[in-house]
Amino acid sequence: MSVENGHPFKCVPCGKCYTTARFAAKCCKAFCVDLRDAESFIMYFESREAEYQRQADAQWAEESKAYRFECSCGERFKEISHAVSCRKCRTYTTAGYCTKVTDIETGLVIYQRGA
């Protein structure tokens, strides 16, 4: 891997290349070099990585709030109509179709098919 295929950051200890400096430095928890100008070294810091992880967790938690409708197989959707027509339920439920949709914020069943 190299700059030509979009992986300009190289983990110095093992030689693997990555698209971002963060993941290249994180690879062996040491440092990486930017192959575009071989003088830029980026060090790995546990505290910086912990902050990146906190930010990512907060972003995922915020995004997950939008997916509040859960179908029979456990898949979550933003809209009721999408949950009702869940394709995974064809495989993962014994009925072969979505039998109920639950609003996970309230815990109420908002759609039920068959009894």
N, C-alpha and C. Protein backbone atom coordinates (compact mmCIF):
# COMPACT_ATOMS: atom_id res chain seq x y z
N MET A 1 0.84 -1.18 0.00
CA MET A 1 0.00 0.00 0.00
C MET A 1 0.88 1.24 0.00
N SER A 2 0.39 2.27 -0.64
CA SER A 2 1.19 3.48 -0.71
C SER A 2 0.30 4.68 -0.98
N VAL A 3 0.94 5.81 -1.23
CA VAL A 3 0.24 7.05 -1.49
C VAL A 3 -0.65 6.92 -2.73
N GLU A 4 -0.20 6.18 -3.72
CA GLU A 4 -0.95 6.05 -4.97
C GLU A 4 -2.35 5.48 -4.79
N ASN A 5 -2.53 4.56 -3.85
CA ASN A 5 -3.86 3.98 -3.67
C ASN A 5 -4.60 4.58 -2.48
N GLY A 6 -4.22 5.76 -2.09
CA GLY A 6 -4.95 6.49 -1.06
C GLY A 6 -4.62 6.13 0.37
N HIS A 7 -3.46 5.58 0.61
CA HIS A 7 -3.04 5.21 1.96
C HIS A 7 -1.70 5.91 2.29
N PRO A 8 -1.75 7.22 2.55
CA PRO A 8 -0.50 7.96 2.70
C PRO A 8 0.16 7.90 4.08
N PHE A 9 -0.47 7.25 5.07
CA PHE A 9 0.10 7.21 6.41
C PHE A 9 0.59 5.81 6.73
N LYS A 10 1.89 5.73 7.06
CA LYS A 10 2.54 4.44 7.29
C LYS A 10 2.92 4.27 8.75
N CYS A 11 2.48 3.16 9.34
CA CYS A 11 2.89 2.80 10.70
C CYS A 11 4.36 2.41 10.62
N VAL A 12 5.22 3.12 11.32
CA VAL A 12 6.66 2.90 11.20
C VAL A 12 7.10 1.53 11.72
N PRO A 13 6.63 1.07 12.91
CA PRO A 13 7.10 -0.23 13.39
C PRO A 13 6.78 -1.42 12.48
N CYS A 14 5.57 -1.47 11.89
CA CYS A 14 5.21 -2.65 11.11
C CYS A 14 5.14 -2.40 9.60
N GLY A 15 5.05 -1.14 9.17
CA GLY A 15 5.04 -0.82 7.75
C GLY A 15 3.69 -0.83 7.06
N LYS A 16 2.60 -1.10 7.79
CA LYS A 16 1.27 -1.07 7.17
C LYS A 16 0.86 0.36 6.89
N CYS A 17 0.10 0.56 5.81
CA CYS A 17 -0.33 1.90 5.42
C CYS A 17 -1.83 2.07 5.63
N TYR A 18 -2.23 3.29 5.98
CA TYR A 18 -3.61 3.61 6.30
C TYR A 18 -4.03 4.91 5.64
N THR A 19 -5.36 5.13 5.59
CA THR A 19 -5.89 6.36 5.00
C THR A 19 -5.80 7.53 5.96
N THR A 20 -5.76 7.27 7.27
CA THR A 20 -5.68 8.36 8.24
C THR A 20 -4.49 8.18 9.18
N ALA A 21 -3.97 9.29 9.64
CA ALA A 21 -2.84 9.26 10.57
C ALA A 21 -3.23 8.61 11.89
N ARG A 22 -4.47 8.86 12.32
CA ARG A 22 -4.92 8.31 13.60
C ARG A 22 -4.80 6.78 13.61
N PHE A 23 -5.30 6.12 12.56
CA PHE A 23 -5.27 4.67 12.55
C PHE A 23 -3.88 4.11 12.30
N ALA A 24 -3.07 4.83 11.56
CA ALA A 24 -1.69 4.38 11.34
C ALA A 24 -0.89 4.44 12.64
N ALA A 25 -1.05 5.52 13.40
CA ALA A 25 -0.34 5.64 14.68
C ALA A 25 -0.89 4.65 15.70
N LYS A 26 -2.20 4.39 15.63
CA LYS A 26 -2.85 3.47 16.56
C LYS A 26 -2.47 2.02 16.30
N CYS A 27 -2.06 1.70 15.09
CA CYS A 27 -1.74 0.34 14.67
C CYS A 27 -0.83 -0.38 15.68
N CYS A 28 0.32 0.13 15.92
CA CYS A 28 1.27 -0.46 16.87
C CYS A 28 1.42 0.39 18.12
N LYS A 29 0.53 1.37 18.26
CA LYS A 29 0.56 2.31 19.39
C LYS A 29 1.93 2.95 19.53
N ALA A 30 2.45 3.42 18.41
CA ALA A 30 3.76 4.07 18.42
C ALA A 30 3.68 5.39 17.67
N PHE A 31 4.02 5.38 16.38
CA PHE A 31 3.96 6.59 15.57
C PHE A 31 3.89 6.21 14.11
N CYS A 32 3.54 7.19 13.30
CA CYS A 32 3.45 6.95 11.86
C CYS A 32 4.11 8.10 11.12
N VAL A 33 4.28 7.90 9.83
CA VAL A 33 4.87 8.92 8.98
C VAL A 33 3.92 9.19 7.81
N ASP A 34 3.87 10.45 7.40
CA ASP A 34 3.08 10.84 6.24
C ASP A 34 3.97 10.66 5.02
N LEU A 35 3.63 9.71 4.15
CA LEU A 35 4.48 9.39 3.00
C LEU A 35 4.53 10.50 1.96
N ARG A 36 3.59 11.44 2.04
CA ARG A 36 3.58 12.54 1.07
C ARG A 36 4.72 13.52 1.34
N ASP A 37 5.16 13.63 2.58
CA ASP A 37 6.32 14.47 2.89
C ASP A 37 7.11 13.81 4.02
N ALA A 38 7.75 12.76 3.79
CA ALA A 38 8.41 11.87 4.74
C ALA A 38 9.00 12.48 6.00
N GLU A 39 8.78 13.74 6.28
CA GLU A 39 9.32 14.35 7.49
C GLU A 39 8.27 14.53 8.58
N SER A 40 7.01 14.30 8.29
CA SER A 40 5.93 14.49 9.27
C SER A 40 5.66 13.21 10.04
N PHE A 41 6.06 13.19 11.30
CA PHE A 41 5.81 12.05 12.16
C PHE A 41 4.66 12.39 13.10
N ILE A 42 3.73 11.46 13.25
CA ILE A 42 2.58 11.64 14.12
C ILE A 42 2.67 10.60 15.23
N MET A 43 2.72 11.06 16.46
CA MET A 43 2.85 10.18 17.61
C MET A 43 1.49 9.70 18.09
N TYR A 44 1.45 8.52 18.68
CA TYR A 44 0.24 7.97 19.29
C TYR A 44 0.22 8.37 20.76
N PHE A 45 -0.92 8.88 21.21
CA PHE A 45 -1.09 9.22 22.62
C PHE A 45 -2.38 8.57 23.12
N GLU A 46 -2.28 7.81 24.19
CA GLU A 46 -3.44 7.12 24.76
C GLU A 46 -4.54 8.11 25.13
N SER A 47 -4.18 9.26 25.68
CA SER A 47 -5.18 10.25 26.09
C SER A 47 -5.93 10.82 24.88
N ARG A 48 -5.23 11.07 23.79
CA ARG A 48 -5.85 11.58 22.58
C ARG A 48 -6.80 10.54 21.99
N GLU A 49 -6.38 9.28 21.97
CA GLU A 49 -7.23 8.22 21.46
C GLU A 49 -8.48 8.05 22.32
N ALA A 50 -8.34 8.19 23.63
CA ALA A 50 -9.50 8.10 24.53
C ALA A 50 -10.49 9.21 24.24
N GLU A 51 -10.00 10.40 23.93
CA GLU A 51 -10.88 11.52 23.59
C GLU A 51 -11.59 11.27 22.27
N TYR A 52 -10.86 10.77 21.28
CA TYR A 52 -11.48 10.41 19.99
C TYR A 52 -12.60 9.40 20.22
N GLN A 53 -12.34 8.41 21.07
CA GLN A 53 -13.32 7.36 21.33
C GLN A 53 -14.55 7.92 22.04
N ARG A 54 -14.35 8.83 23.00
CA ARG A 54 -15.48 9.48 23.69
C ARG A 54 -16.34 10.25 22.69
N GLN A 55 -15.70 10.96 21.78
CA GLN A 55 -16.44 11.72 20.77
C GLN A 55 -17.23 10.78 19.85
N ALA A 56 -16.61 9.71 19.44
CA ALA A 56 -17.28 8.74 18.56
C ALA A 56 -18.47 8.09 19.26
N ASP A 57 -18.30 7.73 20.53
CA ASP A 57 -19.39 7.13 21.30
C ASP A 57 -20.56 8.09 21.44
N ALA A 58 -20.26 9.36 21.70
CA ALA A 58 -21.31 10.37 21.83
C ALA A 58 -22.05 10.55 20.50
N GLN A 59 -21.31 10.56 19.41
CA GLN A 59 -21.92 10.70 18.09
C GLN A 59 -22.84 9.51 17.78
N TRP A 60 -22.38 8.28 18.07
CA TRP A 60 -23.21 7.10 17.82
C TRP A 60 -24.44 7.08 18.71
N ALA A 61 -24.30 7.50 19.96
CA ALA A 61 -25.45 7.54 20.87
C ALA A 61 -26.50 8.51 20.35
N GLU A 62 -26.06 9.66 19.88
CA GLU A 62 -26.98 10.67 19.34
C GLU A 62 -27.67 10.15 18.08
N GLU A 63 -26.92 9.51 17.20
CA GLU A 63 -27.50 9.00 15.97
C GLU A 63 -28.47 7.84 16.24
N SER A 64 -28.16 7.02 17.23
CA SER A 64 -29.01 5.87 17.56
C SER A 64 -30.39 6.29 18.04
N LYS A 65 -30.51 7.47 18.60
CA LYS A 65 -31.80 7.95 19.09
C LYS A 65 -32.83 8.04 17.97
N ALA A 66 -32.40 8.28 16.76
CA ALA A 66 -33.31 8.42 15.62
C ALA A 66 -33.94 7.08 15.24
N TYR A 67 -33.30 5.98 15.58
CA TYR A 67 -33.79 4.65 15.22
C TYR A 67 -34.60 4.09 16.40
N ARG A 68 -35.85 4.53 16.51
CA ARG A 68 -36.65 4.21 17.69
C ARG A 68 -37.70 3.13 17.48
N PHE A 69 -37.89 2.64 16.27
CA PHE A 69 -38.89 1.61 15.99
C PHE A 69 -38.22 0.27 15.75
N GLU A 70 -38.55 -0.70 16.60
CA GLU A 70 -37.92 -2.01 16.54
C GLU A 70 -38.92 -3.04 16.06
N CYS A 71 -38.53 -3.81 15.05
CA CYS A 71 -39.42 -4.84 14.49
C CYS A 71 -39.24 -6.16 15.22
N SER A 72 -39.91 -7.19 14.76
CA SER A 72 -39.92 -8.51 15.40
C SER A 72 -38.54 -9.13 15.55
N CYS A 73 -37.69 -8.94 14.57
CA CYS A 73 -36.37 -9.58 14.62
C CYS A 73 -35.34 -8.76 15.39
N GLY A 74 -35.71 -7.55 15.82
CA GLY A 74 -34.80 -6.72 16.61
C GLY A 74 -34.11 -5.63 15.83
N GLU A 75 -34.33 -5.56 14.54
CA GLU A 75 -33.75 -4.50 13.71
C GLU A 75 -34.45 -3.18 14.05
N ARG A 76 -33.71 -2.08 14.05
CA ARG A 76 -34.30 -0.77 14.38
C ARG A 76 -34.35 0.14 13.16
N PHE A 77 -35.41 0.94 13.10
CA PHE A 77 -35.66 1.81 11.96
C PHE A 77 -36.09 3.20 12.43
N LYS A 78 -35.95 4.17 11.52
CA LYS A 78 -36.39 5.54 11.79
C LYS A 78 -37.89 5.69 11.58
N GLU A 79 -38.47 4.89 10.70
CA GLU A 79 -39.88 5.03 10.36
C GLU A 79 -40.63 3.73 10.58
N ILE A 80 -41.89 3.86 11.00
CA ILE A 80 -42.73 2.69 11.26
C ILE A 80 -42.91 1.85 10.01
N SER A 81 -43.17 2.52 8.88
CA SER A 81 -43.41 1.78 7.64
C SER A 81 -42.21 0.93 7.23
N HIS A 82 -41.01 1.40 7.51
CA HIS A 82 -39.82 0.61 7.20
C HIS A 82 -39.70 -0.59 8.13
N ALA A 83 -40.05 -0.41 9.40
CA ALA A 83 -40.00 -1.51 10.36
C ALA A 83 -41.01 -2.59 10.00
N VAL A 84 -42.21 -2.18 9.61
CA VAL A 84 -43.27 -3.13 9.25
C VAL A 84 -42.86 -3.99 8.06
N SER A 85 -42.13 -3.43 7.14
CA SER A 85 -41.73 -4.18 5.94
C SER A 85 -40.29 -4.67 6.01
N CYS A 86 -39.82 -4.96 7.21
CA CYS A 86 -38.44 -5.42 7.42
C CYS A 86 -38.17 -6.72 6.67
N ARG A 87 -37.14 -6.72 5.87
CA ARG A 87 -36.77 -7.91 5.09
C ARG A 87 -36.11 -8.99 5.95
N LYS A 88 -35.44 -8.58 7.02
CA LYS A 88 -34.77 -9.57 7.87
C LYS A 88 -35.78 -10.46 8.59
N CYS A 89 -36.96 -9.93 8.85
CA CYS A 89 -37.99 -10.73 9.53
C CYS A 89 -38.37 -11.96 8.72
N ARG A 90 -38.21 -11.90 7.40
CA ARG A 90 -38.53 -13.06 6.55
C ARG A 90 -37.67 -14.26 6.93
N THR A 91 -36.46 -13.99 7.36
CA THR A 91 -35.53 -15.04 7.72
C THR A 91 -35.50 -15.33 9.22
N TYR A 92 -35.52 -14.26 10.04
CA TYR A 92 -35.26 -14.41 11.47
C TYR A 92 -36.49 -14.61 12.35
N THR A 93 -37.69 -14.57 11.80
CA THR A 93 -38.88 -14.83 12.62
C THR A 93 -39.56 -16.10 12.12
N THR A 94 -40.21 -16.78 13.03
CA THR A 94 -40.89 -18.03 12.65
C THR A 94 -42.08 -17.77 11.73
N ALA A 95 -42.71 -16.59 11.84
CA ALA A 95 -43.85 -16.26 10.99
C ALA A 95 -43.43 -15.98 9.55
N GLY A 96 -42.21 -15.52 9.36
CA GLY A 96 -41.73 -15.21 8.02
C GLY A 96 -42.03 -13.79 7.59
N TYR A 97 -42.53 -12.99 8.51
CA TYR A 97 -42.82 -11.58 8.25
C TYR A 97 -42.81 -10.84 9.58
N CYS A 98 -42.81 -9.54 9.54
CA CYS A 98 -42.79 -8.73 10.76
C CYS A 98 -44.13 -8.87 11.48
N THR A 99 -44.10 -9.32 12.72
CA THR A 99 -45.33 -9.51 13.48
C THR A 99 -45.66 -8.36 14.41
N LYS A 100 -44.67 -7.58 14.79
CA LYS A 100 -44.94 -6.42 15.64
C LYS A 100 -43.82 -5.40 15.54
N VAL A 101 -44.17 -4.14 15.80
CA VAL A 101 -43.21 -3.05 15.85
C VAL A 101 -43.39 -2.35 17.19
N THR A 102 -42.29 -2.13 17.88
CA THR A 102 -42.31 -1.51 19.19
C THR A 102 -41.58 -0.17 19.15
N ASP A 103 -42.17 0.83 19.80
CA ASP A 103 -41.51 2.12 19.98
C ASP A 103 -40.61 1.96 21.20
N ILE A 104 -39.30 1.94 21.01
CA ILE A 104 -38.38 1.66 22.12
C ILE A 104 -38.32 2.78 23.15
N GLU A 105 -38.73 3.99 22.77
CA GLU A 105 -38.75 5.09 23.74
C GLU A 105 -39.86 4.92 24.76
N THR A 106 -41.02 4.45 24.30
CA THR A 106 -42.17 4.31 25.20
C THR A 106 -42.40 2.87 25.62
N GLY A 107 -41.89 1.92 24.86
CA GLY A 107 -42.11 0.52 25.16
C GLY A 107 -43.44 -0.01 24.64
N LEU A 108 -44.19 0.83 23.94
CA LEU A 108 -45.50 0.44 23.43
C LEU A 108 -45.39 -0.28 22.08
N VAL A 109 -46.22 -1.30 21.91
CA VAL A 109 -46.32 -1.99 20.62
C VAL A 109 -47.22 -1.11 19.76
N ILE A 110 -46.71 -0.62 18.64
CA ILE A 110 -47.49 0.30 17.80
C ILE A 110 -48.01 -0.36 16.53
N TYR A 111 -47.59 -1.60 16.30
CA TYR A 111 -48.10 -2.36 15.15
C TYR A 111 -48.06 -3.82 15.55
N GLN A 112 -49.12 -4.54 15.24
CA GLN A 112 -49.12 -5.98 15.49
C GLN A 112 -49.93 -6.66 14.40
N ARG A 113 -49.34 -7.71 13.86
CA ARG A 113 -49.97 -8.45 12.75
C ARG A 113 -50.12 -9.91 13.17
N GLY A 114 -51.27 -10.47 12.96
CA GLY A 114 -51.51 -11.86 13.37
C GLY A 114 -51.56 -11.97 14.87
N ALA A 115 -52.27 -12.93 15.35
CA ALA A 115 -52.37 -13.09 16.81
C ALA A 115 -52.17 -14.51 17.25
